[in-house]
N, C-alpha and C. Protein backbone atom coordinates (compact mmCIF):
# COMPACT_ATOMS: atom_id res chain seq x y z
N MET A 1 0.84 -1.19 0.00
CA MET A 1 0.00 0.00 0.00
C MET A 1 0.88 1.25 0.00
N HIS A 2 0.52 2.21 -0.81
CA HIS A 2 1.31 3.43 -0.94
C HIS A 2 0.51 4.62 -0.42
N PHE A 3 1.16 5.42 0.42
CA PHE A 3 0.52 6.62 0.97
C PHE A 3 1.23 7.85 0.42
N SER A 4 0.46 8.87 0.16
CA SER A 4 1.04 10.15 -0.26
C SER A 4 0.54 11.25 0.66
N ASN A 5 1.19 12.40 0.61
CA ASN A 5 0.82 13.55 1.46
C ASN A 5 0.78 13.15 2.94
N VAL A 6 1.85 12.52 3.39
CA VAL A 6 1.96 12.13 4.80
C VAL A 6 2.72 13.22 5.56
N PHE A 7 2.15 13.68 6.65
CA PHE A 7 2.77 14.72 7.46
C PHE A 7 2.97 14.20 8.87
N VAL A 8 4.08 14.55 9.48
CA VAL A 8 4.36 14.18 10.86
C VAL A 8 4.38 15.45 11.70
N ASN A 9 3.52 15.49 12.70
CA ASN A 9 3.46 16.65 13.58
C ASN A 9 4.13 16.31 14.90
N GLU A 10 5.00 17.18 15.38
CA GLU A 10 5.76 16.93 16.61
C GLU A 10 4.86 17.04 17.84
N ASP A 11 5.20 16.25 18.84
CA ASP A 11 4.51 16.33 20.13
C ASP A 11 4.74 17.69 20.78
N GLY A 12 3.83 18.03 21.66
CA GLY A 12 4.04 19.20 22.50
C GLY A 12 4.52 18.77 23.87
N LEU A 13 5.03 19.72 24.62
CA LEU A 13 5.50 19.47 25.99
C LEU A 13 4.86 20.47 26.93
N GLU A 14 4.65 20.03 28.15
CA GLU A 14 4.30 20.99 29.18
C GLU A 14 5.54 21.84 29.47
N PRO A 15 5.37 23.11 29.82
CA PRO A 15 6.54 23.95 30.12
C PRO A 15 7.38 23.36 31.25
N ALA A 16 8.68 23.62 31.20
CA ALA A 16 9.56 23.15 32.28
C ALA A 16 9.14 23.80 33.60
N ASN A 17 9.26 23.04 34.66
CA ASN A 17 8.95 23.56 35.99
C ASN A 17 10.03 24.57 36.38
N VAL A 18 9.62 25.80 36.56
CA VAL A 18 10.57 26.89 36.84
C VAL A 18 11.41 26.58 38.08
N TYR A 19 10.80 25.97 39.08
CA TYR A 19 11.50 25.67 40.32
C TYR A 19 12.70 24.74 40.07
N TYR A 20 12.49 23.71 39.23
CA TYR A 20 13.56 22.75 38.98
C TYR A 20 14.56 23.25 37.94
N SER A 21 14.14 24.19 37.11
CA SER A 21 15.04 24.69 36.06
C SER A 21 16.30 25.33 36.63
N GLY A 22 16.23 25.83 37.84
CA GLY A 22 17.39 26.50 38.43
C GLY A 22 18.29 25.59 39.23
N VAL A 23 17.98 24.29 39.24
CA VAL A 23 18.77 23.35 40.03
C VAL A 23 20.16 23.17 39.42
N LYS A 24 21.17 23.11 40.28
CA LYS A 24 22.55 22.95 39.82
C LYS A 24 22.77 21.54 39.27
N LYS A 25 23.45 21.46 38.13
CA LYS A 25 23.74 20.17 37.52
C LYS A 25 24.75 19.38 38.34
N GLU A 26 24.57 18.06 38.35
CA GLU A 26 25.49 17.16 39.03
C GLU A 26 26.15 16.25 38.00
N ASP A 27 27.21 15.59 38.41
CA ASP A 27 27.88 14.61 37.55
C ASP A 27 27.03 13.33 37.55
N GLN A 28 25.96 13.41 36.80
CA GLN A 28 24.97 12.34 36.80
C GLN A 28 24.39 12.14 35.41
N ALA A 29 24.20 10.87 35.05
CA ALA A 29 23.53 10.51 33.80
C ALA A 29 22.21 9.83 34.15
N VAL A 30 21.26 9.90 33.21
CA VAL A 30 19.95 9.31 33.45
C VAL A 30 19.49 8.57 32.20
N ILE A 31 18.76 7.49 32.40
CA ILE A 31 18.09 6.79 31.31
C ILE A 31 16.69 6.45 31.77
N THR A 32 15.72 6.58 30.86
CA THR A 32 14.32 6.40 31.23
C THR A 32 13.72 5.22 30.48
N GLY A 33 13.04 4.34 31.21
CA GLY A 33 12.43 3.14 30.66
C GLY A 33 11.14 3.41 29.92
N PRO A 34 10.24 2.43 29.77
CA PRO A 34 10.16 1.23 30.58
C PRO A 34 11.34 0.29 30.38
N LEU A 35 11.59 -0.53 31.38
CA LEU A 35 12.72 -1.45 31.33
C LEU A 35 12.33 -2.68 30.51
N LYS A 36 12.48 -2.52 29.20
CA LYS A 36 12.17 -3.57 28.24
C LYS A 36 13.43 -3.85 27.41
N PRO A 37 13.61 -5.08 26.92
CA PRO A 37 14.80 -5.39 26.13
C PRO A 37 15.03 -4.46 24.95
N TRP A 38 13.97 -4.00 24.29
CA TRP A 38 14.14 -3.13 23.12
C TRP A 38 14.66 -1.75 23.50
N LYS A 39 14.62 -1.41 24.78
CA LYS A 39 15.19 -0.15 25.25
C LYS A 39 16.71 -0.23 25.42
N LYS A 40 17.25 -1.46 25.46
CA LYS A 40 18.70 -1.69 25.55
C LYS A 40 19.34 -0.91 26.70
N ILE A 41 18.72 -0.99 27.86
CA ILE A 41 19.24 -0.29 29.03
C ILE A 41 20.65 -0.76 29.37
N GLU A 42 20.93 -2.04 29.09
CA GLU A 42 22.27 -2.58 29.38
C GLU A 42 23.36 -1.86 28.60
N HIS A 43 23.03 -1.37 27.41
CA HIS A 43 24.01 -0.61 26.62
C HIS A 43 24.38 0.68 27.34
N GLY A 44 23.37 1.31 27.93
CA GLY A 44 23.64 2.52 28.69
C GLY A 44 24.53 2.26 29.89
N ILE A 45 24.29 1.14 30.56
CA ILE A 45 25.11 0.77 31.72
C ILE A 45 26.56 0.52 31.30
N LEU A 46 26.75 -0.23 30.21
CA LEU A 46 28.10 -0.54 29.75
C LEU A 46 28.84 0.70 29.27
N ALA A 47 28.12 1.62 28.63
CA ALA A 47 28.75 2.87 28.20
C ALA A 47 29.12 3.72 29.40
N PHE A 48 28.24 3.75 30.39
CA PHE A 48 28.49 4.54 31.60
C PHE A 48 29.69 4.02 32.38
N SER A 49 29.97 2.73 32.29
CA SER A 49 31.02 2.12 33.12
C SER A 49 32.39 2.76 32.91
N ALA A 50 32.59 3.46 31.79
CA ALA A 50 33.89 4.09 31.51
C ALA A 50 34.02 5.48 32.13
N LEU A 51 32.94 5.99 32.69
CA LEU A 51 32.97 7.34 33.24
C LEU A 51 33.74 7.38 34.57
N PRO A 52 34.27 8.55 34.93
CA PRO A 52 34.99 8.68 36.20
C PRO A 52 34.14 8.24 37.39
N GLU A 53 34.81 7.85 38.47
CA GLU A 53 34.12 7.26 39.62
C GLU A 53 33.19 8.22 40.34
N ASN A 54 33.35 9.53 40.13
CA ASN A 54 32.46 10.48 40.79
C ASN A 54 31.10 10.59 40.11
N TRP A 55 30.98 9.98 38.92
CA TRP A 55 29.71 10.04 38.20
C TRP A 55 28.73 8.99 38.72
N ARG A 56 27.44 9.36 38.65
CA ARG A 56 26.35 8.47 39.05
C ARG A 56 25.40 8.28 37.88
N PHE A 57 24.71 7.13 37.87
CA PHE A 57 23.79 6.79 36.78
C PHE A 57 22.45 6.38 37.38
N VAL A 58 21.40 7.06 36.96
CA VAL A 58 20.06 6.81 37.49
C VAL A 58 19.21 6.17 36.39
N ILE A 59 18.60 5.03 36.70
CA ILE A 59 17.74 4.33 35.75
C ILE A 59 16.30 4.42 36.24
N ILE A 60 15.45 5.02 35.42
CA ILE A 60 14.05 5.25 35.78
C ILE A 60 13.15 4.32 34.97
N GLY A 61 12.19 3.70 35.62
CA GLY A 61 11.22 2.88 34.91
C GLY A 61 11.06 1.51 35.54
N LYS A 62 9.93 0.91 35.27
CA LYS A 62 9.68 -0.44 35.77
C LYS A 62 9.68 -1.42 34.61
N GLY A 63 9.91 -2.68 34.91
CA GLY A 63 9.93 -3.70 33.87
C GLY A 63 9.71 -5.07 34.46
N ASN A 64 9.77 -6.10 33.61
CA ASN A 64 9.55 -7.45 34.12
C ASN A 64 10.74 -7.91 34.94
N LYS A 65 10.49 -8.84 35.81
CA LYS A 65 11.51 -9.28 36.77
C LYS A 65 12.72 -9.91 36.08
N ARG A 66 12.49 -10.63 34.99
CA ARG A 66 13.59 -11.30 34.29
C ARG A 66 14.60 -10.29 33.75
N TYR A 67 14.09 -9.25 33.09
CA TYR A 67 14.99 -8.24 32.52
C TYR A 67 15.67 -7.45 33.63
N LEU A 68 14.93 -7.20 34.70
CA LEU A 68 15.50 -6.48 35.84
C LEU A 68 16.65 -7.27 36.45
N ARG A 69 16.49 -8.58 36.57
CA ARG A 69 17.58 -9.43 37.09
C ARG A 69 18.78 -9.37 36.16
N TYR A 70 18.52 -9.36 34.86
CA TYR A 70 19.59 -9.27 33.88
C TYR A 70 20.39 -7.98 34.05
N LEU A 71 19.68 -6.87 34.21
CA LEU A 71 20.35 -5.59 34.41
C LEU A 71 21.14 -5.58 35.72
N THR A 72 20.57 -6.17 36.74
CA THR A 72 21.24 -6.22 38.04
C THR A 72 22.54 -7.01 37.96
N ARG A 73 22.53 -8.10 37.19
CA ARG A 73 23.75 -8.91 37.03
C ARG A 73 24.84 -8.10 36.33
N ILE A 74 24.45 -7.32 35.32
CA ILE A 74 25.43 -6.50 34.60
C ILE A 74 26.02 -5.44 35.53
N ILE A 75 25.16 -4.81 36.31
CA ILE A 75 25.62 -3.79 37.26
C ILE A 75 26.61 -4.40 38.24
N ASP A 76 26.30 -5.60 38.71
CA ASP A 76 27.18 -6.28 39.65
C ASP A 76 28.50 -6.68 38.99
N LYS A 77 28.42 -7.21 37.77
CA LYS A 77 29.62 -7.64 37.05
C LYS A 77 30.57 -6.48 36.79
N GLU A 78 30.00 -5.29 36.50
CA GLU A 78 30.81 -4.11 36.21
C GLU A 78 31.23 -3.35 37.48
N ASN A 79 30.89 -3.91 38.65
CA ASN A 79 31.21 -3.29 39.94
C ASN A 79 30.65 -1.86 40.04
N LEU A 80 29.39 -1.72 39.66
CA LEU A 80 28.75 -0.40 39.63
C LEU A 80 27.64 -0.25 40.67
N ASN A 81 27.60 -1.15 41.63
CA ASN A 81 26.50 -1.15 42.58
C ASN A 81 26.37 0.16 43.36
N GLU A 82 27.49 0.81 43.61
CA GLU A 82 27.46 2.07 44.37
C GLU A 82 27.19 3.28 43.49
N ARG A 83 27.26 3.10 42.18
CA ARG A 83 27.16 4.24 41.26
C ARG A 83 25.91 4.22 40.40
N VAL A 84 25.27 3.07 40.26
CA VAL A 84 24.08 2.93 39.42
C VAL A 84 22.87 2.60 40.30
N LYS A 85 21.80 3.36 40.12
CA LYS A 85 20.60 3.17 40.94
C LYS A 85 19.39 2.88 40.05
N LEU A 86 18.70 1.79 40.35
CA LEU A 86 17.45 1.44 39.69
C LEU A 86 16.31 1.97 40.54
N LEU A 87 15.66 3.02 40.07
CA LEU A 87 14.66 3.71 40.89
C LEU A 87 13.23 3.24 40.66
N GLY A 88 13.00 2.43 39.62
CA GLY A 88 11.64 1.98 39.34
C GLY A 88 10.79 3.11 38.78
N TYR A 89 9.47 2.94 38.93
CA TYR A 89 8.54 3.95 38.40
C TYR A 89 8.61 5.23 39.22
N LEU A 90 8.63 6.37 38.53
CA LEU A 90 8.59 7.67 39.19
C LEU A 90 7.51 8.53 38.55
N SER A 91 6.93 9.40 39.33
CA SER A 91 5.97 10.36 38.80
C SER A 91 6.69 11.37 37.91
N ASN A 92 5.93 12.11 37.12
CA ASN A 92 6.54 13.12 36.25
C ASN A 92 7.32 14.16 37.04
N VAL A 93 6.79 14.54 38.19
CA VAL A 93 7.47 15.54 39.02
C VAL A 93 8.80 14.99 39.53
N GLU A 94 8.80 13.74 39.96
CA GLU A 94 10.04 13.12 40.44
C GLU A 94 11.07 12.99 39.31
N LYS A 95 10.59 12.65 38.10
CA LYS A 95 11.50 12.57 36.95
C LYS A 95 12.09 13.95 36.63
N GLU A 96 11.27 14.98 36.71
CA GLU A 96 11.75 16.33 36.41
C GLU A 96 12.88 16.73 37.35
N LYS A 97 12.78 16.36 38.59
CA LYS A 97 13.84 16.67 39.56
C LYS A 97 15.17 16.03 39.12
N ILE A 98 15.08 14.79 38.66
CA ILE A 98 16.29 14.07 38.23
C ILE A 98 16.83 14.65 36.93
N TYR A 99 15.93 14.94 35.98
CA TYR A 99 16.37 15.55 34.72
C TYR A 99 17.10 16.87 34.98
N ALA A 100 16.57 17.64 35.90
CA ALA A 100 17.16 18.96 36.19
C ALA A 100 18.58 18.83 36.75
N ARG A 101 18.85 17.76 37.49
CA ARG A 101 20.16 17.58 38.10
C ARG A 101 21.15 16.86 37.18
N SER A 102 20.65 16.15 36.18
CA SER A 102 21.50 15.28 35.35
C SER A 102 22.08 16.03 34.16
N LYS A 103 23.37 15.86 33.94
CA LYS A 103 24.01 16.48 32.78
C LYS A 103 23.74 15.70 31.50
N ILE A 104 23.74 14.38 31.60
CA ILE A 104 23.65 13.53 30.41
C ILE A 104 22.38 12.68 30.45
N ASN A 105 21.72 12.61 29.31
CA ASN A 105 20.53 11.77 29.14
C ASN A 105 20.85 10.74 28.06
N ILE A 106 20.70 9.46 28.39
CA ILE A 106 21.05 8.39 27.46
C ILE A 106 19.79 7.74 26.91
N VAL A 107 19.72 7.61 25.57
CA VAL A 107 18.57 6.97 24.92
C VAL A 107 19.10 5.90 23.96
N THR A 108 18.93 4.63 24.32
CA THR A 108 19.53 3.53 23.56
C THR A 108 18.49 2.64 22.89
N SER A 109 17.28 3.12 22.74
CA SER A 109 16.19 2.30 22.20
C SER A 109 16.44 1.88 20.76
N GLU A 110 15.84 0.73 20.39
CA GLU A 110 15.84 0.32 18.99
C GLU A 110 15.04 1.31 18.15
N LYS A 111 14.00 1.88 18.76
CA LYS A 111 13.14 2.84 18.08
C LYS A 111 12.35 3.60 19.15
N GLU A 112 11.85 4.75 18.78
CA GLU A 112 10.99 5.54 19.66
C GLU A 112 9.85 6.09 18.81
N GLY A 113 8.91 6.73 19.47
CA GLY A 113 7.93 7.51 18.74
C GLY A 113 8.62 8.83 18.43
N PHE A 114 8.11 9.91 18.98
CA PHE A 114 8.86 11.16 19.01
C PHE A 114 9.43 11.18 20.41
N SER A 115 10.71 10.93 20.55
CA SER A 115 11.31 10.51 21.81
C SER A 115 11.07 11.47 22.98
N LEU A 116 10.06 11.17 23.77
CA LEU A 116 9.77 11.99 24.95
C LEU A 116 10.88 11.93 26.00
N PRO A 117 11.56 10.78 26.19
CA PRO A 117 12.70 10.80 27.13
C PRO A 117 13.78 11.80 26.72
N ALA A 118 13.98 11.97 25.41
CA ALA A 118 15.02 12.90 24.95
C ALA A 118 14.60 14.35 25.15
N ILE A 119 13.40 14.70 24.68
CA ILE A 119 12.99 16.10 24.76
C ILE A 119 12.51 16.47 26.17
N GLY A 120 12.00 15.47 26.92
CA GLY A 120 11.57 15.75 28.29
C GLY A 120 12.74 16.16 29.17
N ALA A 121 13.85 15.45 29.03
CA ALA A 121 15.05 15.81 29.78
C ALA A 121 15.69 17.07 29.21
N GLY A 122 15.53 17.25 27.89
CA GLY A 122 16.10 18.42 27.23
C GLY A 122 15.54 19.73 27.74
N ARG A 123 14.31 19.71 28.25
CA ARG A 123 13.72 20.92 28.83
C ARG A 123 14.59 21.48 29.95
N TYR A 124 15.33 20.59 30.59
CA TYR A 124 16.15 20.99 31.74
C TYR A 124 17.63 21.00 31.40
N GLY A 125 17.94 21.01 30.12
CA GLY A 125 19.34 21.13 29.71
C GLY A 125 20.15 19.87 29.84
N SER A 126 19.48 18.73 29.96
CA SER A 126 20.20 17.46 30.01
C SER A 126 20.45 17.01 28.57
N VAL A 127 21.70 16.87 28.21
CA VAL A 127 22.08 16.62 26.81
C VAL A 127 21.96 15.14 26.48
N CYS A 128 21.34 14.86 25.34
CA CYS A 128 21.09 13.47 24.94
C CYS A 128 22.29 12.86 24.22
N THR A 129 22.63 11.64 24.61
CA THR A 129 23.53 10.79 23.83
C THR A 129 22.75 9.51 23.57
N GLY A 130 22.84 8.99 22.36
CA GLY A 130 22.05 7.81 22.07
C GLY A 130 22.29 7.27 20.69
N TYR A 131 21.40 6.36 20.29
CA TYR A 131 21.51 5.70 19.00
C TYR A 131 20.70 6.45 17.95
N ASN A 132 21.26 6.52 16.76
CA ASN A 132 20.65 7.27 15.66
C ASN A 132 19.54 6.43 15.01
N ASN A 133 18.48 6.18 15.78
CA ASN A 133 17.36 5.37 15.33
C ASN A 133 16.11 6.22 15.17
N TYR A 134 15.09 5.61 14.53
CA TYR A 134 13.83 6.31 14.33
C TYR A 134 13.30 6.85 15.66
N GLY A 135 12.78 8.05 15.61
CA GLY A 135 12.19 8.65 16.80
C GLY A 135 13.20 9.41 17.63
N ILE A 136 14.40 8.84 17.78
CA ILE A 136 15.45 9.54 18.52
C ILE A 136 16.01 10.66 17.66
N ARG A 137 16.33 10.32 16.40
CA ARG A 137 16.90 11.36 15.52
C ARG A 137 15.87 12.40 15.12
N ASP A 138 14.57 12.11 15.31
CA ASP A 138 13.54 13.12 15.07
C ASP A 138 13.48 14.13 16.21
N ALA A 139 13.84 13.68 17.41
CA ALA A 139 13.75 14.53 18.59
C ALA A 139 15.06 15.21 18.94
N VAL A 140 16.18 14.65 18.46
CA VAL A 140 17.50 15.17 18.79
C VAL A 140 18.19 15.62 17.50
N ILE A 141 18.68 16.85 17.49
CA ILE A 141 19.45 17.34 16.36
C ILE A 141 20.91 16.97 16.61
N ASN A 142 21.38 15.98 15.87
CA ASN A 142 22.73 15.46 16.10
C ASN A 142 23.78 16.55 15.91
N GLY A 143 24.60 16.73 16.93
CA GLY A 143 25.63 17.76 16.88
C GLY A 143 25.19 19.10 17.41
N ARG A 144 23.89 19.24 17.66
CA ARG A 144 23.38 20.50 18.19
C ARG A 144 22.72 20.32 19.56
N SER A 145 21.79 19.37 19.67
CA SER A 145 21.15 19.14 20.96
C SER A 145 21.49 17.76 21.52
N GLY A 146 22.47 17.11 20.91
CA GLY A 146 22.89 15.80 21.39
C GLY A 146 23.90 15.18 20.45
N LEU A 147 24.40 14.03 20.86
CA LEU A 147 25.35 13.28 20.04
C LEU A 147 24.80 11.88 19.82
N LEU A 148 24.55 11.53 18.56
CA LEU A 148 23.99 10.24 18.21
C LEU A 148 25.02 9.40 17.47
N VAL A 149 25.01 8.10 17.76
CA VAL A 149 25.94 7.17 17.12
C VAL A 149 25.15 6.03 16.50
N ASN A 150 25.82 5.18 15.74
CA ASN A 150 25.14 4.06 15.09
C ASN A 150 24.54 3.10 16.12
N ASP A 151 23.46 2.46 15.72
CA ASP A 151 22.78 1.50 16.58
C ASP A 151 23.74 0.41 17.05
N ASP A 152 23.67 0.09 18.33
CA ASP A 152 24.46 -0.97 18.96
C ASP A 152 25.95 -0.66 19.07
N ASP A 153 26.35 0.57 18.78
CA ASP A 153 27.76 0.97 18.90
C ASP A 153 28.02 1.46 20.32
N ILE A 154 28.23 0.53 21.22
CA ILE A 154 28.43 0.88 22.63
C ILE A 154 29.70 1.71 22.80
N ASN A 155 30.75 1.33 22.08
CA ASN A 155 32.00 2.10 22.17
C ASN A 155 31.79 3.54 21.69
N GLY A 156 31.05 3.69 20.59
CA GLY A 156 30.75 5.03 20.10
C GLY A 156 29.93 5.84 21.08
N LEU A 157 28.97 5.17 21.72
CA LEU A 157 28.14 5.82 22.74
C LEU A 157 29.01 6.27 23.91
N ARG A 158 29.90 5.40 24.33
CA ARG A 158 30.82 5.71 25.43
C ARG A 158 31.68 6.93 25.08
N GLU A 159 32.19 6.96 23.86
CA GLU A 159 33.03 8.08 23.42
C GLU A 159 32.23 9.37 23.35
N ALA A 160 30.97 9.29 22.94
CA ALA A 160 30.13 10.48 22.87
C ALA A 160 29.90 11.07 24.25
N ILE A 161 29.64 10.21 25.23
CA ILE A 161 29.44 10.68 26.60
C ILE A 161 30.72 11.31 27.14
N LEU A 162 31.84 10.62 26.93
CA LEU A 162 33.12 11.14 27.42
C LEU A 162 33.46 12.48 26.77
N LYS A 163 33.13 12.63 25.50
CA LYS A 163 33.38 13.89 24.80
C LYS A 163 32.63 15.03 25.47
N LEU A 164 31.38 14.79 25.83
CA LEU A 164 30.57 15.83 26.46
C LEU A 164 31.06 16.19 27.86
N ILE A 165 31.48 15.19 28.62
CA ILE A 165 31.87 15.50 30.01
C ILE A 165 33.29 16.08 30.09
N LYS A 166 34.08 15.86 29.03
CA LYS A 166 35.44 16.42 29.02
C LYS A 166 35.47 17.84 28.43
N ASP A 167 34.50 18.17 27.60
CA ASP A 167 34.47 19.47 26.93
C ASP A 167 33.32 20.29 27.50
N ASN A 168 33.59 21.04 28.54
CA ASN A 168 32.55 21.78 29.22
C ASN A 168 31.89 22.81 28.31
N LYS A 169 32.68 23.44 27.44
CA LYS A 169 32.13 24.44 26.52
C LYS A 169 31.11 23.80 25.59
N LEU A 170 31.44 22.61 25.06
CA LEU A 170 30.52 21.89 24.19
C LEU A 170 29.26 21.50 24.95
N PHE A 171 29.44 21.00 26.17
CA PHE A 171 28.27 20.62 26.96
C PHE A 171 27.36 21.82 27.21
N GLU A 172 27.92 22.93 27.63
CA GLU A 172 27.11 24.11 27.93
C GLU A 172 26.35 24.59 26.70
N GLU A 173 27.00 24.56 25.55
CA GLU A 173 26.36 24.99 24.31
C GLU A 173 25.19 24.07 23.96
N MET A 174 25.43 22.78 24.04
CA MET A 174 24.37 21.83 23.71
C MET A 174 23.24 21.87 24.73
N SER A 175 23.59 22.07 25.99
CA SER A 175 22.58 22.16 27.04
C SER A 175 21.63 23.33 26.77
N LYS A 176 22.18 24.47 26.37
CA LYS A 176 21.35 25.63 26.03
C LYS A 176 20.48 25.34 24.81
N ASN A 177 21.07 24.65 23.84
CA ASN A 177 20.30 24.30 22.64
C ASN A 177 19.14 23.37 22.98
N CYS A 178 19.36 22.42 23.89
CA CYS A 178 18.30 21.51 24.31
C CYS A 178 17.12 22.28 24.89
N ILE A 179 17.42 23.24 25.74
CA ILE A 179 16.36 24.04 26.36
C ILE A 179 15.63 24.86 25.31
N GLU A 180 16.38 25.48 24.41
CA GLU A 180 15.78 26.31 23.37
C GLU A 180 14.85 25.50 22.47
N ILE A 181 15.31 24.34 22.03
CA ILE A 181 14.51 23.49 21.15
C ILE A 181 13.27 22.97 21.87
N SER A 182 13.45 22.52 23.09
CA SER A 182 12.32 21.99 23.86
C SER A 182 11.28 23.07 24.14
N ASN A 183 11.74 24.30 24.36
CA ASN A 183 10.80 25.39 24.61
C ASN A 183 9.90 25.67 23.41
N GLY A 184 10.37 25.30 22.22
CA GLY A 184 9.56 25.50 21.02
C GLY A 184 8.53 24.40 20.80
N LEU A 185 8.64 23.32 21.58
CA LEU A 185 7.73 22.18 21.43
C LEU A 185 6.55 22.31 22.38
N THR A 186 5.76 23.34 22.17
CA THR A 186 4.57 23.57 23.00
C THR A 186 3.33 22.98 22.32
N TRP A 187 2.29 22.74 23.09
CA TRP A 187 1.06 22.22 22.50
C TRP A 187 0.40 23.28 21.62
N ASP A 188 0.61 24.54 21.92
CA ASP A 188 0.10 25.60 21.05
C ASP A 188 0.74 25.52 19.67
N ASN A 189 2.06 25.30 19.63
CA ASN A 189 2.75 25.18 18.35
C ASN A 189 2.34 23.91 17.62
N THR A 190 2.09 22.83 18.37
CA THR A 190 1.62 21.59 17.76
C THR A 190 0.27 21.83 17.08
N TYR A 191 -0.60 22.56 17.75
CA TYR A 191 -1.92 22.88 17.19
C TYR A 191 -1.78 23.72 15.92
N LEU A 192 -0.91 24.73 15.97
CA LEU A 192 -0.73 25.60 14.81
C LEU A 192 -0.17 24.83 13.62
N ARG A 193 0.78 23.92 13.87
CA ARG A 193 1.32 23.11 12.79
C ARG A 193 0.25 22.21 12.18
N PHE A 194 -0.61 21.66 13.05
CA PHE A 194 -1.68 20.78 12.58
C PHE A 194 -2.68 21.55 11.72
N MET A 195 -3.04 22.76 12.13
CA MET A 195 -3.98 23.57 11.36
C MET A 195 -3.38 23.96 10.01
N LYS A 196 -2.06 24.20 9.99
CA LYS A 196 -1.38 24.53 8.73
C LYS A 196 -1.44 23.35 7.77
N ILE A 197 -1.26 22.13 8.31
CA ILE A 197 -1.37 20.93 7.48
C ILE A 197 -2.76 20.81 6.89
N LEU A 198 -3.79 21.05 7.71
CA LEU A 198 -5.18 20.95 7.23
C LEU A 198 -5.42 21.98 6.13
N GLU A 199 -4.85 23.17 6.28
CA GLU A 199 -5.03 24.20 5.25
C GLU A 199 -4.41 23.75 3.93
N GLN A 200 -3.26 23.08 4.00
CA GLN A 200 -2.59 22.63 2.78
C GLN A 200 -3.38 21.54 2.05
N LEU A 201 -4.22 20.82 2.80
CA LEU A 201 -4.98 19.73 2.20
C LEU A 201 -6.29 20.16 1.57
N LYS A 202 -6.66 21.42 1.74
CA LYS A 202 -7.92 21.91 1.18
C LYS A 202 -7.85 21.99 -0.35
């Protein structure tokens, strides 16, 4: 079946919480579930393992017990028990607090919709590193609001994270870009884009 005149309209976001926007960044990375195999959370853990010992990694989301045990074994094998925390399900407010404190946001999914984990954290200046897959590359401008590498390239992902944490000027620039881009993703703008599409179809 062939479709023509297909338009994709970007999601909107609720405005960033002003209270959390002023929170000081910490040496912390975050990844958001659900904890499913297609999210490849283990790739994020393995990439994070190369970071300096002062860095912490927060994993948000719930998942099935089998996959959770798998992740726990990897954390134990990499001796990351003191640095990696599995927080389970969190409310949006609780996630916002973590996004505001985290410098790096990791998205390793096989695919996304319009990646809400990327743009949701971007509202608070958390820079995305991840795989250049559908949905992620739609939400992240590679080289401007994040660094994307080929799918399953854990070494490349690790190097992208290290590049950001070693180059403070690059991080600060991308962090500002994340906020600027996310601020443009309002529901009002989503509505206006949708109405423009309808006008074009008349």
